[in-house]
């Protein structure tokens, strides 16, 4: 039989409010850390990637579908991580 344990705590309204605010702030901190990581990524356009790699847009598209160089669609634009393009240049 599946039993669920329930714990009850006596909290004043102020303590309850403080707990909610604390949990909310922890969630915001986690979200901020995730967004901060995304901000550190340098993105380059499809045009820049094609020029750096010396290939056409068609080749970039094929590489994306084959998993060779992943393209990201952000805000309606196709972008590449600068580090991914640099890695491809190093291995090319």
PDB file of N, CA and C in Angstrom:
ATOM      1  N   UNK A   1       0.840  -1.177   0.000  1.00  0.00           N
ATOM      2  CA  UNK A   1       0.000   0.000   0.000  1.00  0.00           C
ATOM      3  C   UNK A   1       0.887   1.242   0.000  1.00  0.00           C
ATOM      4  N   UNK A   2       0.589   2.181  -0.845  1.00  0.00           N
ATOM      5  CA  UNK A   2       1.375   3.405  -0.966  1.00  0.00           C
ATOM      6  C   UNK A   2       0.931   4.402   0.097  1.00  0.00           C
ATOM      7  N   UNK A   3       1.860   4.730   0.972  1.00  0.00           N
ATOM      8  CA  UNK A   3       1.534   5.680   2.031  1.00  0.00           C
ATOM      9  C   UNK A   3       2.282   6.981   1.789  1.00  0.00           C
ATOM     10  N   UNK A   4       1.609   8.061   2.009  1.00  0.00           N
ATOM     11  CA  UNK A   4       2.210   9.375   1.880  1.00  0.00           C
ATOM     12  C   UNK A   4       2.311   9.989   3.257  1.00  0.00           C
ATOM     13  N   UNK A   5       3.494  10.490   3.547  1.00  0.00           N
ATOM     14  CA  UNK A   5       3.685  11.147   4.839  1.00  0.00           C
ATOM     15  C   UNK A   5       3.422  12.633   4.680  1.00  0.00           C
ATOM     16  N   UNK A   6       2.733  13.175   5.637  1.00  0.00           N
ATOM     17  CA  UNK A   6       2.468  14.599   5.632  1.00  0.00           C
ATOM     18  C   UNK A   6       3.047  15.184   6.915  1.00  0.00           C
ATOM     19  N   UNK A   7       3.829  16.226   6.737  1.00  0.00           N
ATOM     20  CA  UNK A   7       4.394  16.892   7.908  1.00  0.00           C
ATOM     21  C   UNK A   7       3.767  18.270   8.034  1.00  0.00           C
ATOM     22  N   UNK A   8       3.354  18.570   9.213  1.00  0.00           N
ATOM     23  CA  UNK A   8       2.765  19.880   9.470  1.00  0.00           C
ATOM     24  C   UNK A   8       3.706  20.675  10.360  1.00  0.00           C
ATOM     25  N   UNK A   9       3.852  21.926  10.041  1.00  0.00           N
ATOM     26  CA  UNK A   9       4.705  22.816  10.820  1.00  0.00           C
ATOM     27  C   UNK A   9       3.866  23.987  11.306  1.00  0.00           C
ATOM     28  N   UNK A  10       4.201  24.443  12.471  1.00  0.00           N
ATOM     29  CA  UNK A  10       3.558  25.662  12.955  1.00  0.00           C
ATOM     30  C   UNK A  10       4.441  26.834  12.569  1.00  0.00           C
ATOM     31  N   UNK A  11       3.951  27.653  11.685  1.00  0.00           N
ATOM     32  CA  UNK A  11       4.684  28.837  11.247  1.00  0.00           C
ATOM     33  C   UNK A  11       3.792  30.057  11.409  1.00  0.00           C
ATOM     34  N   UNK A  12       4.409  31.119  11.813  1.00  0.00           N
ATOM     35  CA  UNK A  12       3.671  32.380  11.846  1.00  0.00           C
ATOM     36  C   UNK A  12       3.537  32.869  10.406  1.00  0.00           C
ATOM     37  N   UNK A  13       2.622  33.750  10.134  1.00  0.00           N
ATOM     38  CA  UNK A  13       2.506  34.300   8.773  1.00  0.00           C
ATOM     39  C   UNK A  13       3.822  34.908   8.283  1.00  0.00           C
ATOM     40  N   UNK A  14       4.569  35.539   9.180  1.00  0.00           N
ATOM     41  CA  UNK A  14       5.848  36.148   8.794  1.00  0.00           C
ATOM     42  C   UNK A  14       6.872  35.073   8.425  1.00  0.00           C
ATOM     43  N   UNK A  15       6.911  33.984   9.205  1.00  0.00           N
ATOM     44  CA  UNK A  15       7.843  32.892   8.909  1.00  0.00           C
ATOM     45  C   UNK A  15       7.475  32.214   7.591  1.00  0.00           C
ATOM     46  N   UNK A  16       6.178  32.023   7.377  1.00  0.00           N
ATOM     47  CA  UNK A  16       5.702  31.422   6.135  1.00  0.00           C
ATOM     48  C   UNK A  16       6.087  32.286   4.939  1.00  0.00           C
ATOM     49  N   UNK A  17       5.873  33.580   5.072  1.00  0.00           N
ATOM     50  CA  UNK A  17       6.231  34.529   4.011  1.00  0.00           C
ATOM     51  C   UNK A  17       7.731  34.488   3.752  1.00  0.00           C
ATOM     52  N   UNK A  18       8.529  34.443   4.814  1.00  0.00           N
ATOM     53  CA  UNK A  18       9.987  34.395   4.672  1.00  0.00           C
ATOM     54  C   UNK A  18      10.420  33.120   3.948  1.00  0.00           C
ATOM     55  N   UNK A  19       9.776  31.992   4.247  1.00  0.00           N
ATOM     56  CA  UNK A  19      10.093  30.724   3.572  1.00  0.00           C
ATOM     57  C   UNK A  19       9.776  30.801   2.084  1.00  0.00           C
ATOM     58  N   UNK A  20       8.629  31.357   1.764  1.00  0.00           N
ATOM     59  CA  UNK A  20       8.242  31.494   0.354  1.00  0.00           C
ATOM     60  C   UNK A  20       9.227  32.397  -0.375  1.00  0.00           C
ATOM     61  N   UNK A  21       9.577  33.519   0.230  1.00  0.00           N
ATOM     62  CA  UNK A  21      10.524  34.450  -0.396  1.00  0.00           C
ATOM     63  C   UNK A  21      11.881  33.784  -0.570  1.00  0.00           C
ATOM     64  N   UNK A  22      12.323  33.027   0.419  1.00  0.00           N
ATOM     65  CA  UNK A  22      13.605  32.339   0.339  1.00  0.00           C
ATOM     66  C   UNK A  22      13.616  31.338  -0.823  1.00  0.00           C
ATOM     67  N   UNK A  23      12.579  30.529  -0.942  1.00  0.00           N
ATOM     68  CA  UNK A  23      12.497  29.556  -2.036  1.00  0.00           C
ATOM     69  C   UNK A  23      12.429  30.259  -3.389  1.00  0.00           C
ATOM     70  N   UNK A  24      11.689  31.340  -3.468  1.00  0.00           N
ATOM     71  CA  UNK A  24      11.591  32.116  -4.700  1.00  0.00           C
ATOM     72  C   UNK A  24      12.962  32.656  -5.096  1.00  0.00           C
ATOM     73  N   UNK A  25      13.688  33.201  -4.127  1.00  0.00           N
ATOM     74  CA  UNK A  25      15.023  33.741  -4.397  1.00  0.00           C
ATOM     75  C   UNK A  25      15.989  32.655  -4.843  1.00  0.00           C
ATOM     76  N   UNK A  26      15.890  31.464  -4.254  1.00  0.00           N
ATOM     77  CA  UNK A  26      16.736  30.351  -4.691  1.00  0.00           C
ATOM     78  C   UNK A  26      16.446  29.993  -6.144  1.00  0.00           C
ATOM     79  N   UNK A  27      15.164  29.988  -6.501  1.00  0.00           N
ATOM     80  CA  UNK A  27      14.785  29.719  -7.884  1.00  0.00           C
ATOM     81  C   UNK A  27      15.316  30.780  -8.834  1.00  0.00           C
ATOM     82  N   UNK A  28      15.242  32.035  -8.423  1.00  0.00           N
ATOM     83  CA  UNK A  28      15.778  33.125  -9.249  1.00  0.00           C
ATOM     84  C   UNK A  28      17.290  33.007  -9.406  1.00  0.00           C
ATOM     85  N   UNK A  29      17.972  32.649  -8.328  1.00  0.00           N
ATOM     86  CA  UNK A  29      19.425  32.475  -8.394  1.00  0.00           C
ATOM     87  C   UNK A  29      19.798  31.380  -9.386  1.00  0.00           C
ATOM     88  N   UNK A  30      19.067  30.270  -9.352  1.00  0.00           N
ATOM     89  CA  UNK A  30      19.330  29.172 -10.289  1.00  0.00           C
ATOM     90  C   UNK A  30      19.091  29.612 -11.727  1.00  0.00           C
ATOM     91  N   UNK A  31      18.009  30.332 -11.951  1.00  0.00           N
ATOM     92  CA  UNK A  31      17.702  30.835 -13.285  1.00  0.00           C
ATOM     93  C   UNK A  31      18.774  31.808 -13.754  1.00  0.00           C
ATOM     94  N   UNK A  32      19.210  32.694 -12.877  1.00  0.00           N
ATOM     95  CA  UNK A  32      20.251  33.661 -13.215  1.00  0.00           C
ATOM     96  C   UNK A  32      21.535  32.946 -13.630  1.00  0.00           C
ATOM     97  N   UNK A  33      21.913  31.905 -12.908  1.00  0.00           N
ATOM     98  CA  UNK A  33      23.132  31.160 -13.242  1.00  0.00           C
ATOM     99  C   UNK A  33      23.017  30.513 -14.614  1.00  0.00           C
ATOM    100  N   UNK A  34      21.850  29.968 -14.940  1.00  0.00           N
ATOM    101  CA  UNK A  34      21.649  29.356 -16.255  1.00  0.00           C
ATOM    102  C   UNK A  34      21.731  30.405 -17.355  1.00  0.00           C
ATOM    103  N   UNK A  35      21.130  31.561 -17.126  1.00  0.00           N
ATOM    104  CA  UNK A  35      21.166  32.627 -18.126  1.00  0.00           C
ATOM    105  C   UNK A  35      22.564  33.195 -18.278  1.00  0.00           C
ATOM    106  N   UNK A  36      23.306  33.273 -17.189  1.00  0.00           N
ATOM    107  CA  UNK A  36      24.664  33.799 -17.225  1.00  0.00           C
ATOM    108  C   UNK A  36      25.541  32.934 -18.117  1.00  0.00           C
ATOM    109  N   UNK A  37      25.358  31.633 -18.050  1.00  0.00           N
ATOM    110  CA  UNK A  37      26.123  30.722 -18.900  1.00  0.00           C
ATOM    111  C   UNK A  37      25.800  30.988 -20.357  1.00  0.00           C
ATOM    112  N   UNK A  38      24.518  31.208 -20.675  1.00  0.00           N
ATOM    113  CA  UNK A  38      24.134  31.478 -22.052  1.00  0.00           C
ATOM    114  C   UNK A  38      24.709  32.796 -22.550  1.00  0.00           C
ATOM    115  N   UNK A  39      24.817  33.793 -21.690  1.00  0.00           N
ATOM    116  CA  UNK A  39      25.364  35.085 -22.094  1.00  0.00           C
ATOM    117  C   UNK A  39      26.832  34.965 -22.481  1.00  0.00           C
ATOM    118  N   UNK A  40      27.546  34.027 -21.887  1.00  0.00           N
ATOM    119  CA  UNK A  40      28.970  33.886 -22.139  1.00  0.00           C
ATOM    120  C   UNK A  40      29.265  33.237 -23.484  1.00  0.00           C
ATOM    121  N   UNK A  41      28.257  32.645 -24.108  1.00  0.00           N
ATOM    122  CA  UNK A  41      28.449  32.007 -25.406  1.00  0.00           C
ATOM    123  C   UNK A  41      28.540  33.084 -26.478  1.00  0.00           C
ATOM    124  N   UNK A  42      29.591  33.013 -27.288  1.00  0.00           N
ATOM    125  CA  UNK A  42      29.724  33.947 -28.408  1.00  0.00           C
ATOM    126  C   UNK A  42      29.117  33.282 -29.638  1.00  0.00           C
ATOM    127  N   UNK A  43      28.145  33.953 -30.217  1.00  0.00           N
ATOM    128  CA  UNK A  43      27.445  33.429 -31.381  1.00  0.00           C
ATOM    129  C   UNK A  43      27.956  34.108 -32.642  1.00  0.00           C
ATOM    130  N   UNK A  44      27.995  33.362 -33.738  1.00  0.00           N
ATOM    131  CA  UNK A  44      28.336  33.961 -35.027  1.00  0.00           C
ATOM    132  C   UNK A  44      27.253  33.585 -36.037  1.00  0.00           C
ATOM    133  N   UNK A  45      27.101  34.436 -37.021  1.00  0.00           N
ATOM    134  CA  UNK A  45      26.062  34.234 -38.032  1.00  0.00           C
ATOM    135  C   UNK A  45      26.456  33.120 -38.996  1.00  0.00           C
ATOM    136  N   UNK A  46      25.482  32.715 -39.782  1.00  0.00           N
ATOM    137  CA  UNK A  46      25.734  31.692 -40.801  1.00  0.00           C
ATOM    138  C   UNK A  46      26.750  32.209 -41.816  1.00  0.00           C
ATOM    139  N   UNK A  47      26.640  33.501 -42.148  1.00  0.00           N
ATOM    140  CA  UNK A  47      27.578  34.113 -43.093  1.00  0.00           C
ATOM    141  C   UNK A  47      29.005  34.047 -42.554  1.00  0.00           C
ATOM    142  N   UNK A  48      29.183  34.429 -41.287  1.00  0.00           N
ATOM    143  CA  UNK A  48      30.513  34.391 -40.675  1.00  0.00           C
ATOM    144  C   UNK A  48      31.056  32.966 -40.610  1.00  0.00           C
ATOM    145  N   UNK A  49      30.197  32.024 -40.244  1.00  0.00           N
ATOM    146  CA  UNK A  49      30.627  30.626 -40.152  1.00  0.00           C
ATOM    147  C   UNK A  49      31.061  30.112 -41.519  1.00  0.00           C
ATOM    148  N   UNK A  50      30.277  30.422 -42.548  1.00  0.00           N
ATOM    149  CA  UNK A  50      30.610  29.978 -43.902  1.00  0.00           C
ATOM    150  C   UNK A  50      31.942  30.569 -44.354  1.00  0.00           C
ATOM    151  N   UNK A  51      32.154  31.853 -44.070  1.00  0.00           N
ATOM    152  CA  UNK A  51      33.404  32.506 -44.469  1.00  0.00           C
ATOM    153  C   UNK A  51      34.599  31.915 -43.728  1.00  0.00           C
ATOM    154  N   UNK A  52      34.473  31.730 -42.415  1.00  0.00           N
ATOM    155  CA  UNK A  52      35.583  31.187 -41.627  1.00  0.00           C
ATOM    156  C   UNK A  52      35.955  29.779 -42.077  1.00  0.00           C
ATOM    157  N   UNK A  53      34.934  28.980 -42.392  1.00  0.00           N
ATOM    158  CA  UNK A  53      35.170  27.586 -42.761  1.00  0.00           C
ATOM    159  C   UNK A  53      35.408  27.398 -44.254  1.00  0.00           C
ATOM    160  N   UNK A  54      35.137  28.443 -45.042  1.00  0.00           N
ATOM    161  CA  UNK A  54      35.339  28.355 -46.488  1.00  0.00           C
ATOM    162  C   UNK A  54      34.362  27.396 -47.160  1.00  0.00           C
ATOM    163  N   UNK A  55      33.114  27.386 -46.671  1.00  0.00           N
ATOM    164  CA  UNK A  55      32.093  26.500 -47.229  1.00  0.00           C
ATOM    165  C   UNK A  55      30.838  27.306 -47.544  1.00  0.00           C
ATOM    166  N   UNK A  56      29.916  26.657 -48.241  1.00  0.00           N
ATOM    167  CA  UNK A  56      28.655  27.317 -48.606  1.00  0.00           C
ATOM    168  C   UNK A  56      27.603  27.106 -47.520  1.00  0.00           C
ATOM    169  N   UNK A  57      26.501  27.843 -47.657  1.00  0.00           N
ATOM    170  CA  UNK A  57      25.366  27.660 -46.747  1.00  0.00           C
ATOM    171  C   UNK A  57      24.814  26.235 -46.860  1.00  0.00           C
ATOM    172  N   UNK A  58      24.850  25.690 -48.080  1.00  0.00           N
ATOM    173  CA  UNK A  58      24.355  24.328 -48.300  1.00  0.00           C
ATOM    174  C   UNK A  58      25.182  23.333 -47.488  1.00  0.00           C
ATOM    175  N   UNK A  59      26.490  23.512 -47.492  1.00  0.00           N
ATOM    176  CA  UNK A  59      27.368  22.627 -46.714  1.00  0.00           C
ATOM    177  C   UNK A  59      27.092  22.767 -45.228  1.00  0.00           C
ATOM    178  N   UNK A  60      26.931  23.998 -44.750  1.00  0.00           N
ATOM    179  CA  UNK A  60      26.605  24.200 -43.337  1.00  0.00           C
ATOM    180  C   UNK A  60      25.307  23.486 -42.980  1.00  0.00           C
ATOM    181  N   UNK A  61      24.320  23.576 -43.866  1.00  0.00           N
ATOM    182  CA  UNK A  61      23.038  22.910 -43.631  1.00  0.00           C
ATOM    183  C   UNK A  61      23.216  21.391 -43.573  1.00  0.00           C
ATOM    184  N   UNK A  62      24.008  20.844 -44.489  1.00  0.00           N
ATOM    185  CA  UNK A  62      24.265  19.397 -44.494  1.00  0.00           C
ATOM    186  C   UNK A  62      24.987  18.978 -43.217  1.00  0.00           C
ATOM    187  N   UNK A  63      25.971  19.769 -42.804  1.00  0.00           N
ATOM    188  CA  UNK A  63      26.712  19.454 -41.575  1.00  0.00           C
ATOM    189  C   UNK A  63      25.788  19.471 -40.366  1.00  0.00           C
ATOM    190  N   UNK A  64      24.857  20.407 -40.360  1.00  0.00           N
ATOM    191  CA  UNK A  64      23.908  20.476 -39.252  1.00  0.00           C
ATOM    192  C   UNK A  64      23.057  19.205 -39.203  1.00  0.00           C
ATOM    193  N   UNK A  65      22.545  18.783 -40.357  1.00  0.00           N
ATOM    194  CA  UNK A  65      21.694  17.589 -40.402  1.00  0.00           C
ATOM    195  C   UNK A  65      22.474  16.316 -40.079  1.00  0.00           C
ATOM    196  N   UNK A  66      23.768  16.297 -40.400  1.00  0.00           N
ATOM    197  CA  UNK A  66      24.597  15.125 -40.097  1.00  0.00           C
ATOM    198  C   UNK A  66      25.188  15.177 -38.692  1.00  0.00           C
ATOM    199  N   UNK A  67      24.985  16.300 -37.992  1.00  0.00           N
ATOM    200  CA  UNK A  67      25.521  16.434 -36.638  1.00  0.00           C
ATOM    201  C   UNK A  67      26.992  16.814 -36.597  1.00  0.00           C
ATOM    202  N   UNK A  68      27.524  17.270 -37.705  1.00  0.00           N
ATOM    203  CA  UNK A  68      28.938  17.654 -37.770  1.00  0.00           C
ATOM    204  C   UNK A  68      29.159  19.025 -37.142  1.00  0.00           C
ATOM    205  N   UNK A  69      28.267  19.952 -37.414  1.00  0.00           N
ATOM    206  CA  UNK A  69      28.336  21.304 -36.850  1.00  0.00           C
ATOM    207  C   UNK A  69      26.910  21.758 -36.565  1.00  0.00           C
ATOM    208  N   UNK A  70      26.581  21.855 -35.300  1.00  0.00           N
ATOM    209  CA  UNK A  70      25.200  22.150 -34.898  1.00  0.00           C
ATOM    210  C   UNK A  70      24.864  23.626 -35.092  1.00  0.00           C
ATOM    211  N   UNK A  71      23.728  23.872 -35.729  1.00  0.00           N
ATOM    212  CA  UNK A  71      23.204  25.227 -35.905  1.00  0.00           C
ATOM    213  C   UNK A  71      22.090  25.443 -34.893  1.00  0.00           C
ATOM    214  N   UNK A  72      21.971  26.670 -34.416  1.00  0.00           N
ATOM    215  CA  UNK A  72      20.940  27.032 -33.441  1.00  0.00           C
ATOM    216  C   UNK A  72      20.076  28.123 -34.045  1.00  0.00           C
ATOM    217  N   UNK A  73      18.776  27.977 -33.923  1.00  0.00           N
ATOM    218  CA  UNK A  73      17.870  29.014 -34.411  1.00  0.00           C
ATOM    219  C   UNK A  73      17.466  29.856 -33.214  1.00  0.00           C
ATOM    220  N   UNK A  74      17.927  31.095 -33.194  1.00  0.00           N
ATOM    221  CA  UNK A  74      17.672  32.004 -32.081  1.00  0.00           C
ATOM    222  C   UNK A  74      17.098  33.297 -32.646  1.00  0.00           C
ATOM    223  N   UNK A  75      15.910  33.628 -32.211  1.00  0.00           N
ATOM    224  CA  UNK A  75      15.277  34.862 -32.674  1.00  0.00           C
ATOM    225  C   UNK A  75      15.078  34.904 -34.175  1.00  0.00           C
ATOM    226  N   UNK A  76      14.807  33.756 -34.777  1.00  0.00           N
ATOM    227  CA  UNK A  76      14.578  33.698 -36.212  1.00  0.00           C
ATOM    228  C   UNK A  76      15.851  33.682 -37.043  1.00  0.00           C
ATOM    229  N   UNK A  77      17.011  33.675 -36.395  1.00  0.00           N
ATOM    230  CA  UNK A  77      18.289  33.656 -37.108  1.00  0.00           C
ATOM    231  C   UNK A  77      18.993  32.329 -36.867  1.00  0.00           C
ATOM    232  N   UNK A  78      19.732  31.874 -37.862  1.00  0.00           N
ATOM    233  CA  UNK A  78      20.552  30.676 -37.712  1.00  0.00           C
ATOM    234  C   UNK A  78      21.919  31.126 -37.228  1.00  0.00           C
ATOM    235  N   UNK A  79      22.312  30.622 -36.067  1.00  0.00           N
ATOM    236  CA  UNK A  79      23.586  31.007 -35.467  1.00  0.00           C
ATOM    237  C   UNK A  79      24.399  29.773 -35.103  1.00  0.00           C
ATOM    238  N   UNK A  80      25.695  29.994 -34.984  1.00  0.00           N
ATOM    239  CA  UNK A  80      26.618  28.931 -34.599  1.00  0.00           C
ATOM    240  C   UNK A  80      27.433  29.400 -33.408  1.00  0.00           C
ATOM    241  N   UNK A  81      27.788  28.462 -32.554  1.00  0.00           N
ATOM    242  CA  UNK A  81      28.676  28.802 -31.447  1.00  0.00           C
ATOM    243  C   UNK A  81      30.072  29.024 -32.023  1.00  0.00           C
ATOM    244  N   UNK A  82      30.675  30.129 -31.636  1.00  0.00           N
ATOM    245  CA  UNK A  82      32.015  30.455 -32.114  1.00  0.00           C
ATOM    246  C   UNK A  82      32.986  29.320 -31.801  1.00  0.00           C
ATOM    247  N   UNK A  83      32.869  28.752 -30.601  1.00  0.00           N
ATOM    248  CA  UNK A  83      33.775  27.663 -30.205  1.00  0.00           C
ATOM    249  C   UNK A  83      33.597  26.437 -31.091  1.00  0.00           C
ATOM    250  N   UNK A  84      32.356  26.142 -31.513  1.00  0.00           N
ATOM    251  CA  UNK A  84      32.122  24.995 -32.399  1.00  0.00           C
ATOM    252  C   UNK A  84      32.797  25.210 -33.748  1.00  0.00           C
ATOM    253  N   UNK A  85      32.709  26.435 -34.266  1.00  0.00           N
ATOM    254  CA  UNK A  85      33.336  26.745 -35.553  1.00  0.00           C
ATOM    255  C   UNK A  85      34.856  26.658 -35.417  1.00  0.00           C
ATOM    256  N   UNK A  86      35.398  27.182 -34.324  1.00  0.00           N
ATOM    257  CA  UNK A  86      36.845  27.109 -34.095  1.00  0.00           C
ATOM    258  C   UNK A  86      37.301  25.654 -33.989  1.00  0.00           C
ATOM    259  N   UNK A  87      36.523  24.831 -33.291  1.00  0.00           N
ATOM    260  CA  UNK A  87      36.855  23.407 -33.172  1.00  0.00           C
ATOM    261  C   UNK A  87      36.855  22.738 -34.537  1.00  0.00           C
ATOM    262  N   UNK A  88      35.890  23.071 -35.363  1.00  0.00           N
ATOM    263  CA  UNK A  88      35.805  22.504 -36.711  1.00  0.00           C
ATOM    264  C   UNK A  88      37.014  22.931 -37.535  1.00  0.00           C
ATOM    265  N   UNK A  89      37.444  24.183 -37.377  1.00  0.00           N
ATOM    266  CA  UNK A  89      38.637  24.654 -38.085  1.00  0.00           C
ATOM    267  C   UNK A  89      39.876  23.885 -37.639  1.00  0.00           C
ATOM    268  N   UNK A  90      39.971  23.621 -36.353  1.00  0.00           N
ATOM    269  CA  UNK A  90      41.128  22.906 -35.805  1.00  0.00           C
ATOM    270  C   UNK A  90      41.181  21.463 -36.291  1.00  0.00           C
ATOM    271  N   UNK A  91      40.015  20.852 -36.464  1.00  0.00           N
ATOM    272  CA  UNK A  91      39.943  19.447 -36.881  1.00  0.00           C
ATOM    273  C   UNK A  91      39.879  19.282 -38.387  1.00  0.00           C
ATOM    274  N   UNK A  92      39.806  20.360 -39.105  1.00  0.00           N
ATOM    275  CA  UNK A  92      39.606  20.341 -40.549  1.00  0.00           C
ATOM    276  C   UNK A  92      40.878  20.120 -41.277  1.00  0.00           C
TER     277      UNK A  92
END
